[in-house]
Amino acid sequence: MSKVPEIRIRAANDRAINPDGNYILYWMVAQRRVHWNFALDRAVEWAVQLGKPLVILEALRCDYPWASDRLHRFILDGMSANQRALADRDVLYYPYVEPRQGAGRGLLAALGSRACVIVTDDFPTFFLPRMIAAAAAHMPVLCEQVDSNGLLPMRAAETSFPTAYAFRRFLQRELPQHLPQTPRENPLSRVKLATPPRLPQEVLKRWPLAPKEVLAGETTALAAFPIDHAVDVVTTRGGADAAGITLQRFLGQLLPRYTEERNEPAADATSGLSPYLHFGHLSAHEVFHKLAAQEKWTLAAVADQARGKRAGWWGMSEEAEAFLDQLVTWRELGYNFCYHRNDYDQFKSLPDWSLRTLSKHARDPRPFVYSLEEFRSAKTHDPLWNAAQRQLLSEGRLHNYLRMLWGKKILEWSATPEEALDTMIELNNKYALDGRNPNSYSGIFWILGRFDRPWGPERPIFGTVRYMSSENTARKLDVRPFLERYGAQARLFD
């Protein structure tokens, strides 16, 4: 039956399909969009085959880790965009926002008990794998997880990879056969679905649809939720519409500057797509499709040999290939690692050489030792580090290059490397819109040696883990405009 590649589908339980159910239920938890989404494709396939209506449940808990006004509003933006996109479709869209902890308990079971089959997203990090496994175990019907994370299915590789080079070689051999297999741009077009059902009043009364002021993310509405109100909203808005505008701006205006200026903190030449990719408001397939169209690219342009080189394999422009190495190689390397390793967020998951060298230097004297609160509030002696942290606090993002320096200094100024890891995870996951993602865990653990190699000379604290300094960064890049924008200290680097 399936038009979605089988490699992207896996059963989350051992239940059977219930052909006498009332509808197909798509439980949208990670790929929060209605375009370019293999999971929605799969739900539509089931609806057509069984002749049943489609119900899409998109829920928002209030007790997820690091829940805050910032994250809530971004997710709500996406829910509002989905509601608009589905307003004239033969689908029942059910946006539910939990008003208090535990209020949503039982909703999935109530909907699942009336379903023929449940389709949900396959996502390898945060609390989602545990939540889906626990829920699926109690569902009376088949629950399928569908991988719509990247161009390469997560199950295409049988193991994780130690470096980007090793993964890139595998990717270049394996990816061409998967590139033609894309989700539909609009899964609900040119299909005839059964009339959406009416849900029982007792369900709607206990778990009412989110009102418009909640979906709009209004300040008064956010204030009513039991979440962290100290982490304020940012100007960046979420949702598929905002994602599309950001993608269009990047491809049309910023891509030509990407190779030369993406590392410049004040140049604003990065894509800005990572929050939308993380929350599923944007698909990597859509990004690739539009980039390839702009480049007038075809699959025939791909090089015959898989050499693992960063440039030249795709057969696109220099700027496009540099961007694709980030979007595909580095991003999907993180998904690969987290899919195959349950300890992806644990210190012990670092490579052996990194564990040995960090252990050897764990008791080295530190030039400065800061607490989590001092790091959080940007109260170190280093103006460039403080400026990067202020950007994270105020905008929910860290410039790509400065994110590396930010982490290296946390390692240098923490009492132990384990404490440094805890600090990085806490600050990134709490304040960054793109935190809690496989790609962000890659960035954090790269600081400590994951996907990297030993570097000489051996140094105090770092051992053979790659070293970075604010002084060297200031010599390589023009950081003065960044300091003027985010810095509160007058002293600049010579």
Protein backbone atom coordinates (compact mmCIF):
# COMPACT_ATOMS: atom_id res chain seq x y z
CA MET A 1 0.00 0.00 0.00
CA SER A 2 2.63 2.47 1.07
CA LYS A 3 3.97 5.23 -1.13
CA VAL A 4 6.04 6.46 1.80
CA PRO A 5 9.34 4.53 1.68
CA GLU A 6 9.16 1.53 3.99
CA ILE A 7 12.55 2.42 5.44
CA ARG A 8 10.95 5.52 6.97
CA ILE A 9 8.12 3.61 8.72
CA ARG A 10 8.37 1.54 11.87
CA ALA A 11 5.75 0.15 14.21
CA ALA A 12 5.76 1.57 17.73
CA ASN A 13 3.63 -1.31 19.06
CA ASP A 14 2.42 -4.75 18.00
CA ARG A 15 -1.29 -3.95 17.72
CA ALA A 16 -3.46 -4.55 14.66
CA ILE A 17 -5.33 -2.10 12.47
CA ASN A 18 -8.97 -1.59 13.44
CA PRO A 19 -10.85 -1.27 10.11
CA ASP A 20 -14.05 -0.50 12.01
CA GLY A 21 -12.59 2.60 13.67
CA ASN A 22 -13.99 6.06 13.03
CA TYR A 23 -10.92 7.78 11.58
CA ILE A 24 -7.18 7.82 11.01
CA LEU A 25 -5.35 9.73 13.74
CA TYR A 26 -2.15 11.65 12.98
CA TRP A 27 -0.54 12.58 16.31
CA MET A 28 1.72 15.46 15.26
CA VAL A 29 4.58 15.81 17.77
CA ALA A 30 7.79 16.73 15.90
CA GLN A 31 7.07 17.48 12.24
CA ARG A 32 4.63 20.27 13.00
CA ARG A 33 3.70 21.19 9.42
CA VAL A 34 1.18 20.22 6.75
CA HIS A 35 3.55 20.32 3.75
CA TRP A 36 6.55 18.16 2.79
CA ASN A 37 5.80 15.73 5.61
CA PHE A 38 6.16 11.95 5.19
CA ALA A 39 4.11 11.32 8.35
CA LEU A 40 1.15 13.26 6.98
CA ASP A 41 1.62 11.46 3.66
CA ARG A 42 1.34 8.15 5.52
CA ALA A 43 -1.78 9.23 7.41
CA VAL A 44 -3.42 10.31 4.14
CA GLU A 45 -2.53 6.95 2.55
CA TRP A 46 -4.28 5.11 5.37
CA ALA A 47 -7.31 7.42 5.13
CA VAL A 48 -7.65 6.82 1.41
CA GLN A 49 -7.15 3.04 1.64
CA LEU A 50 -9.62 2.56 4.47
CA GLY A 51 -12.05 5.22 3.30
CA LYS A 52 -11.91 6.95 6.67
CA PRO A 53 -11.69 10.60 7.76
CA LEU A 54 -8.43 12.10 8.99
CA VAL A 55 -7.97 13.70 12.41
CA ILE A 56 -4.76 15.62 13.16
CA LEU A 57 -4.00 16.09 16.84
CA GLU A 58 -1.35 18.70 17.61
CA ALA A 59 -0.99 19.10 21.35
CA LEU A 60 1.25 21.21 23.55
CA ARG A 61 2.08 20.13 27.08
CA CYS A 62 3.05 22.60 29.78
CA ASP A 63 5.45 20.31 31.66
CA TYR A 64 8.03 19.53 29.00
CA PRO A 65 11.64 20.24 30.09
CA TRP A 66 12.57 23.94 29.86
CA ALA A 67 8.98 24.96 29.07
CA SER A 68 8.86 28.74 28.79
CA ASP A 69 7.10 31.69 27.18
CA ARG A 70 9.80 31.66 24.49
CA LEU A 71 9.34 28.05 23.41
CA HIS A 72 5.57 28.02 23.95
CA ARG A 73 5.02 31.07 21.75
CA PHE A 74 7.17 29.67 18.93
CA ILE A 75 5.25 26.37 18.98
CA LEU A 76 1.91 28.19 19.17
CA ASP A 77 2.87 30.21 16.09
CA GLY A 78 3.22 26.91 14.27
CA MET A 79 -0.12 25.64 15.50
CA SER A 80 -1.82 28.85 14.36
CA ALA A 81 -0.23 28.50 10.91
CA ASN A 82 -1.42 24.88 10.68
CA GLN A 83 -4.94 25.88 11.65
CA ARG A 84 -5.03 28.45 8.86
CA ALA A 85 -3.59 26.01 6.32
CA LEU A 86 -6.17 23.33 7.20
CA ALA A 87 -9.20 25.60 7.50
CA ASP A 88 -10.57 24.68 4.06
CA ARG A 89 -9.43 21.05 4.01
CA ASP A 90 -11.44 17.89 4.65
CA VAL A 91 -9.51 17.28 7.83
CA LEU A 92 -10.36 17.69 11.49
CA TYR A 93 -7.48 19.67 12.99
CA TYR A 94 -7.45 19.42 16.78
CA PRO A 95 -5.10 21.95 18.44
CA TYR A 96 -4.96 21.27 22.16
CA VAL A 97 -2.90 23.36 24.60
CA GLU A 98 -2.67 22.02 28.12
CA PRO A 99 -3.74 24.74 30.62
CA ARG A 100 -2.15 23.06 33.63
CA GLN A 101 0.07 20.09 34.28
CA GLY A 102 -1.73 16.80 33.73
CA ALA A 103 -4.83 18.34 32.17
CA GLY A 104 -4.15 16.68 28.83
CA ARG A 105 -3.75 13.21 30.30
CA GLY A 106 -6.18 10.81 28.65
CA LEU A 107 -6.77 12.81 25.44
CA LEU A 108 -4.64 10.58 23.21
CA ALA A 109 -6.22 7.47 24.70
CA ALA A 110 -9.70 8.87 24.11
CA LEU A 111 -8.92 9.64 20.47
CA GLY A 112 -6.90 6.47 19.95
CA SER A 113 -9.71 4.25 21.18
CA ARG A 114 -11.82 5.42 18.23
CA ALA A 115 -9.05 5.27 15.60
CA CYS A 116 -8.31 2.70 12.90
CA VAL A 117 -4.59 3.38 13.11
CA ILE A 118 -2.38 6.04 14.67
CA VAL A 119 0.48 7.70 12.80
CA THR A 120 3.06 9.82 14.60
CA ASP A 121 6.54 11.25 14.06
CA ASP A 122 9.87 9.49 14.55
CA PHE A 123 12.26 11.88 16.31
CA PRO A 124 15.37 10.71 18.18
CA THR A 125 15.88 13.21 21.03
CA PHE A 126 14.34 15.13 23.92
CA PHE A 127 11.45 13.43 25.76
CA LEU A 128 9.66 12.44 22.54
CA PRO A 129 10.99 8.87 22.11
CA ARG A 130 10.00 7.96 25.69
CA MET A 131 6.63 9.66 25.40
CA ILE A 132 5.75 7.90 22.15
CA ALA A 133 6.91 4.49 23.38
CA ALA A 134 4.88 4.81 26.57
CA ALA A 135 1.77 6.02 24.76
CA ALA A 136 1.96 3.43 21.98
CA ALA A 137 2.18 0.61 24.51
CA HIS A 138 -1.27 1.56 25.78
CA MET A 139 -2.97 2.17 22.44
CA PRO A 140 -5.50 -0.47 21.27
CA VAL A 141 -4.50 -0.11 17.59
CA LEU A 142 -1.36 -0.05 15.48
CA CYS A 143 0.81 3.02 16.07
CA GLU A 144 3.35 3.84 13.36
CA GLN A 145 6.28 6.22 13.60
CA VAL A 146 7.37 7.94 10.40
CA ASP A 147 10.79 9.49 9.81
CA SER A 148 10.52 12.85 8.05
CA ASN A 149 13.64 14.36 9.57
CA GLY A 150 16.11 14.55 6.70
CA LEU A 151 17.10 13.58 3.18
CA LEU A 152 18.67 10.33 4.39
CA PRO A 153 16.36 7.99 6.33
CA MET A 154 17.73 7.43 9.83
CA ARG A 155 17.48 3.65 9.33
CA ALA A 156 19.64 3.76 6.19
CA ALA A 157 22.75 3.41 8.36
CA GLU A 158 23.24 0.48 10.70
CA THR A 159 25.52 2.32 13.09
CA SER A 160 26.71 5.76 14.15
CA PHE A 161 29.79 7.44 12.70
CA PRO A 162 32.81 8.89 14.55
CA THR A 163 33.46 11.85 12.24
CA ALA A 164 31.76 14.01 9.65
CA TYR A 165 34.20 12.68 7.06
CA ALA A 166 33.20 9.06 7.73
CA PHE A 167 29.51 9.94 7.61
CA ARG A 168 29.97 12.05 4.47
CA ARG A 169 31.54 9.12 2.63
CA PHE A 170 28.59 6.90 3.60
CA LEU A 171 26.15 9.66 2.69
CA GLN A 172 27.65 10.13 -0.75
CA ARG A 173 27.33 6.42 -1.46
CA GLU A 174 23.84 5.97 -0.01
CA LEU A 175 21.96 9.22 -0.56
CA PRO A 176 21.46 9.21 -4.37
CA GLN A 177 18.96 6.33 -4.18
CA HIS A 178 16.90 8.23 -1.60
CA LEU A 179 16.90 11.69 -3.19
CA PRO A 180 14.08 10.91 -5.64
CA GLN A 181 11.89 9.79 -2.72
CA THR A 182 10.42 13.05 -1.44
CA PRO A 183 7.33 13.83 0.61
CA ARG A 184 4.50 15.53 -1.21
CA GLU A 185 4.56 19.31 -1.22
CA ASN A 186 0.86 19.28 -0.35
CA PRO A 187 -0.33 15.87 0.88
CA LEU A 188 -3.96 17.00 1.00
CA SER A 189 -4.25 18.18 -2.60
CA ARG A 190 -5.89 16.01 -5.25
CA VAL A 191 -7.12 13.48 -2.71
CA LYS A 192 -10.71 12.81 -1.70
CA LEU A 193 -11.08 12.22 2.02
CA ALA A 194 -14.17 11.25 3.94
CA THR A 195 -16.09 14.01 5.71
CA PRO A 196 -14.37 14.94 8.98
CA PRO A 197 -16.05 13.37 12.00
CA ARG A 198 -17.76 15.05 14.91
CA LEU A 199 -15.94 14.24 18.10
CA PRO A 200 -17.97 13.37 21.20
CA GLN A 201 -18.95 16.35 23.29
CA GLU A 202 -17.49 14.75 26.40
CA VAL A 203 -14.09 14.76 24.68
CA LEU A 204 -14.33 18.38 23.53
CA LYS A 205 -15.65 19.51 26.91
CA ARG A 206 -12.81 17.91 28.85
CA TRP A 207 -10.11 18.84 26.31
CA PRO A 208 -11.37 21.97 24.50
CA LEU A 209 -9.79 23.27 21.31
CA ALA A 210 -7.23 25.99 21.94
CA PRO A 211 -8.88 29.44 21.70
CA LYS A 212 -7.57 32.00 19.22
CA GLU A 213 -5.88 34.17 21.85
CA VAL A 214 -3.85 31.17 23.00
CA LEU A 215 -2.83 30.21 19.47
CA ALA A 216 -1.88 33.83 18.87
CA GLY A 217 0.54 33.60 21.79
CA GLU A 218 -0.84 36.72 23.44
CA THR A 219 1.02 37.88 26.53
CA THR A 220 -1.96 37.46 28.83
CA ALA A 221 -2.57 33.95 27.52
CA LEU A 222 1.04 32.91 28.06
CA ALA A 223 0.97 34.34 31.58
CA ALA A 224 -1.74 31.86 32.55
CA PHE A 225 0.38 28.78 31.82
CA PRO A 226 2.56 27.17 34.54
CA ILE A 227 5.77 27.66 32.53
CA ASP A 228 8.95 29.70 32.95
CA HIS A 229 7.95 33.32 32.35
CA ALA A 230 11.51 34.56 32.96
CA VAL A 231 12.54 33.23 29.55
CA ASP A 232 10.74 35.83 27.48
CA VAL A 233 9.50 35.61 23.91
CA VAL A 234 11.78 36.81 21.11
CA THR A 235 11.08 38.73 17.93
CA THR A 236 11.59 35.63 15.76
CA ARG A 237 8.18 34.14 15.05
CA GLY A 238 7.49 30.49 14.45
CA GLY A 239 5.33 28.62 11.97
CA ALA A 240 5.47 27.50 8.37
CA ASP A 241 4.74 30.97 7.00
CA ALA A 242 7.64 32.56 8.86
CA ALA A 243 9.85 29.63 7.87
CA GLY A 244 9.01 30.16 4.21
CA ILE A 245 9.87 33.85 4.39
CA THR A 246 13.19 33.07 6.08
CA LEU A 247 14.04 30.44 3.45
CA GLN A 248 13.15 32.78 0.61
CA ARG A 249 15.34 35.53 2.08
CA PHE A 250 18.27 33.18 2.53
CA LEU A 251 18.15 31.73 -0.98
CA GLY A 252 17.46 35.07 -2.64
CA GLN A 253 19.72 37.43 -0.69
CA LEU A 254 22.15 35.65 1.63
CA LEU A 255 23.32 32.51 -0.17
CA PRO A 256 25.73 34.41 -2.48
CA ARG A 257 27.50 35.71 0.66
CA TYR A 258 27.39 32.43 2.56
CA THR A 259 30.87 31.07 1.84
CA GLU A 260 32.77 34.27 2.64
CA GLU A 261 30.64 35.81 5.39
CA ARG A 262 28.86 33.08 7.35
CA ASN A 263 31.54 33.08 10.06
CA GLU A 264 31.42 36.85 10.50
CA PRO A 265 29.31 37.50 13.62
CA ALA A 266 27.83 40.78 12.41
CA ALA A 267 27.35 39.85 8.74
CA ASP A 268 23.96 38.10 9.13
CA ALA A 269 24.84 35.68 6.33
CA THR A 270 23.66 32.44 7.96
CA SER A 271 20.39 30.80 7.00
CA GLY A 272 18.42 31.30 10.21
CA LEU A 273 16.55 28.08 9.47
CA SER A 274 17.55 25.93 12.43
CA PRO A 275 14.61 26.82 14.75
CA TYR A 276 12.12 26.01 11.98
CA LEU A 277 13.85 22.74 11.17
CA HIS A 278 13.95 21.81 14.85
CA PHE A 279 10.25 22.41 15.51
CA GLY A 280 9.26 20.82 12.22
CA HIS A 281 7.84 24.03 10.77
CA LEU A 282 10.13 23.50 7.78
CA SER A 283 11.28 20.37 5.96
CA ALA A 284 14.85 19.69 4.89
CA HIS A 285 13.30 18.27 1.71
CA GLU A 286 11.66 21.61 0.93
CA VAL A 287 14.90 23.48 1.55
CA PHE A 288 16.79 21.11 -0.74
CA HIS A 289 14.09 21.18 -3.41
CA LYS A 290 14.07 24.98 -3.63
CA LEU A 291 17.86 25.24 -3.53
CA ALA A 292 18.19 22.62 -6.27
CA ALA A 293 15.63 24.45 -8.42
CA GLN A 294 17.50 27.71 -7.96
CA GLU A 295 20.76 25.98 -8.92
CA LYS A 296 19.07 24.27 -11.92
CA TRP A 297 20.42 21.02 -10.47
CA THR A 298 19.60 17.44 -11.45
CA LEU A 299 20.63 14.16 -9.88
CA ALA A 300 22.88 13.53 -12.87
CA ALA A 301 25.21 16.27 -11.60
CA VAL A 302 26.23 14.19 -8.56
CA ALA A 303 29.79 12.87 -8.71
CA ASP A 304 30.25 9.14 -9.37
CA GLN A 305 32.72 8.57 -6.53
CA ALA A 306 32.11 8.99 -2.81
CA ARG A 307 35.36 10.54 -1.59
CA GLY A 308 33.94 12.23 1.50
CA LYS A 309 35.04 15.69 0.37
CA ARG A 310 33.08 18.68 1.58
CA ALA A 311 32.84 20.29 -1.85
CA GLY A 312 32.43 19.07 -5.40
CA TRP A 313 30.21 16.02 -4.90
CA TRP A 314 26.83 17.71 -5.38
CA GLY A 315 27.72 19.50 -8.60
CA MET A 316 26.33 22.82 -7.38
CA SER A 317 27.86 26.25 -6.80
CA GLU A 318 30.47 26.74 -4.09
CA GLU A 319 27.98 28.57 -1.87
CA ALA A 320 25.29 25.93 -2.30
CA GLU A 321 27.69 23.08 -1.51
CA ALA A 322 28.96 24.84 1.61
CA PHE A 323 25.38 25.23 2.81
CA LEU A 324 24.48 21.63 1.97
CA ASP A 325 27.40 20.38 4.02
CA GLN A 326 25.73 22.03 7.01
CA LEU A 327 22.12 21.15 6.14
CA VAL A 328 22.77 17.54 5.15
CA THR A 329 26.15 16.28 6.38
CA TRP A 330 26.42 17.92 9.80
CA ARG A 331 22.71 18.07 10.58
CA GLU A 332 22.01 14.45 9.64
CA LEU A 333 25.21 13.24 11.28
CA GLY A 334 23.62 14.39 14.54
CA TYR A 335 20.36 12.61 13.79
CA ASN A 336 22.29 9.46 12.92
CA PHE A 337 24.19 9.54 16.21
CA CYS A 338 21.15 10.21 18.37
CA TYR A 339 19.11 7.53 16.59
CA HIS A 340 21.72 4.86 17.28
CA ARG A 341 22.91 5.99 20.72
CA ASN A 342 20.59 6.28 23.70
CA ASP A 343 23.43 7.96 25.61
CA TYR A 344 23.75 10.82 23.08
CA ASP A 345 23.41 13.41 25.87
CA GLN A 346 25.74 11.70 28.36
CA PHE A 347 29.40 12.53 29.01
CA LYS A 348 30.33 8.87 28.61
CA SER A 349 29.26 8.97 24.94
CA LEU A 350 32.37 10.97 24.01
CA PRO A 351 35.05 9.16 21.99
CA ASP A 352 37.66 7.25 24.00
CA TRP A 353 40.52 9.60 23.12
CA SER A 354 38.50 12.59 24.36
CA LEU A 355 37.49 10.88 27.62
CA ARG A 356 41.13 9.97 28.29
CA THR A 357 42.56 13.42 27.66
CA LEU A 358 39.83 15.28 29.55
CA SER A 359 40.23 12.90 32.49
CA LYS A 360 43.99 13.42 32.47
CA HIS A 361 43.53 17.19 32.74
CA ALA A 362 40.37 17.26 34.88
CA ARG A 363 42.26 18.60 37.91
CA ASP A 364 44.32 21.19 36.07
CA PRO A 365 44.04 24.67 37.61
CA ARG A 366 41.47 26.86 35.86
CA PRO A 367 42.23 30.55 35.21
CA PHE A 368 38.62 31.34 36.14
CA VAL A 369 35.79 29.21 37.50
CA TYR A 370 32.24 30.49 37.05
CA SER A 371 28.97 29.20 38.39
CA LEU A 372 25.96 28.37 36.23
CA GLU A 373 24.30 31.62 37.30
CA GLU A 374 27.39 33.67 36.40
CA PHE A 375 27.47 32.05 32.98
CA ARG A 376 23.73 32.49 32.54
CA SER A 377 23.81 36.20 33.36
CA ALA A 378 26.89 36.87 31.18
CA LYS A 379 29.10 37.89 34.12
CA THR A 380 32.48 36.62 33.03
CA HIS A 381 35.66 38.62 32.48
CA ASP A 382 35.46 38.12 28.69
CA PRO A 383 33.47 40.74 26.73
CA LEU A 384 33.13 38.61 23.60
CA TRP A 385 31.82 35.61 25.52
CA ASN A 386 29.41 37.84 27.42
CA ALA A 387 28.17 39.35 24.16
CA ALA A 388 27.47 35.90 22.72
CA GLN A 389 25.57 34.93 25.86
CA ARG A 390 23.53 38.14 25.70
CA GLN A 391 22.56 37.30 22.14
CA LEU A 392 21.35 33.91 23.36
CA LEU A 393 19.39 35.49 26.21
CA SER A 394 17.76 38.22 24.13
CA GLU A 395 17.28 36.55 20.73
CA GLY A 396 17.24 32.81 21.42
CA ARG A 397 20.20 32.15 19.14
CA LEU A 398 23.97 32.00 19.07
CA HIS A 399 25.95 32.95 16.01
CA ASN A 400 27.23 29.71 14.44
CA TYR A 401 30.94 30.46 14.84
CA LEU A 402 30.65 32.09 18.25
CA ARG A 403 28.66 29.09 19.49
CA MET A 404 31.91 27.09 19.24
CA LEU A 405 33.88 29.70 21.17
CA TRP A 406 31.04 29.99 23.71
CA GLY A 407 31.31 26.28 24.47
CA LYS A 408 35.11 26.13 24.52
CA LYS A 409 35.26 28.86 27.16
CA ILE A 410 32.64 27.12 29.30
CA LEU A 411 34.90 24.06 29.23
CA GLU A 412 37.91 26.16 30.22
CA TRP A 413 36.13 28.06 33.03
CA SER A 414 34.22 25.18 34.65
CA ALA A 415 35.47 23.14 37.60
CA THR A 416 35.21 19.87 35.62
CA PRO A 417 34.41 18.90 32.03
CA GLU A 418 31.26 17.14 33.26
CA GLU A 419 30.10 20.39 34.86
CA ALA A 420 30.89 22.22 31.62
CA LEU A 421 28.68 19.80 29.71
CA ASP A 422 25.80 20.28 32.14
CA THR A 423 26.13 24.07 31.82
CA MET A 424 26.14 24.00 28.03
CA ILE A 425 23.10 21.74 27.87
CA GLU A 426 21.18 23.82 30.41
CA LEU A 427 21.86 27.19 28.78
CA ASN A 428 21.40 26.00 25.21
CA ASN A 429 18.23 24.01 25.85
CA LYS A 430 16.68 26.69 28.01
CA TYR A 431 17.30 29.73 25.83
CA ALA A 432 18.01 28.63 22.24
CA LEU A 433 15.06 28.18 19.92
CA ASP A 434 16.98 25.41 18.16
CA GLY A 435 18.05 23.64 21.36
CA ARG A 436 17.00 20.12 22.40
CA ASN A 437 17.75 18.95 18.84
CA PRO A 438 20.18 16.28 17.56
CA ASN A 439 22.07 19.01 15.74
CA SER A 440 22.45 21.13 18.87
CA TYR A 441 23.72 18.13 20.83
CA SER A 442 26.29 17.65 18.06
CA GLY A 443 27.46 21.22 18.55
CA ILE A 444 27.69 20.90 22.32
CA PHE A 445 29.52 17.58 22.28
CA TRP A 446 31.84 18.73 19.49
CA ILE A 447 33.22 21.17 22.06
CA LEU A 448 34.40 18.13 24.04
CA GLY A 449 35.66 16.11 21.07
CA ARG A 450 32.71 14.31 19.45
CA PHE A 451 33.13 14.10 15.66
CA ASP A 452 36.58 15.68 16.01
CA ARG A 453 40.15 14.37 16.36
CA PRO A 454 43.03 14.99 18.78
CA TRP A 455 44.83 18.30 18.28
CA GLY A 456 48.32 19.24 19.34
CA PRO A 457 50.01 20.68 21.22
CA GLU A 458 48.59 19.21 24.40
CA ARG A 459 47.30 22.02 26.62
CA PRO A 460 46.20 22.42 30.23
CA ILE A 461 42.49 21.69 30.80
CA PHE A 462 41.86 20.81 27.12
CA GLY A 463 44.53 18.17 26.69
CA THR A 464 44.31 17.31 23.00
CA VAL A 465 40.72 18.56 22.59
CA ARG A 466 40.64 21.42 20.09
CA TYR A 467 41.35 24.79 21.69
CA MET A 468 39.82 28.19 20.88
CA SER A 469 40.33 31.63 22.39
CA SER A 470 38.51 34.94 22.20
CA GLU A 471 41.75 36.69 21.27
CA ASN A 472 42.35 34.45 18.26
CA THR A 473 38.72 34.78 17.23
CA ALA A 474 38.98 38.57 17.36
CA ARG A 475 42.07 38.44 15.16
CA LYS A 476 40.38 36.20 12.58
CA LEU A 477 36.99 37.91 12.51
CA ASP A 478 35.65 41.44 12.81
CA VAL A 479 33.94 41.18 16.18
CA ARG A 480 33.69 44.91 16.90
CA PRO A 481 30.19 45.40 15.43
CA PHE A 482 29.02 42.35 17.37
CA LEU A 483 30.46 43.76 20.59
CA GLU A 484 28.86 47.12 19.94
CA ARG A 485 25.51 45.45 19.53
CA TYR A 486 25.60 42.93 22.38
CA GLY A 487 28.47 43.99 24.60
CA ALA A 488 28.16 45.96 27.80
CA GLN A 489 31.88 46.26 28.53
CA ALA A 490 34.06 48.91 26.99
CA ARG A 491 37.28 46.94 26.67
CA LEU A 492 37.85 45.49 23.23
CA PHE A 493 40.57 43.15 22.03
CA ASP A 494 43.77 44.66 20.72
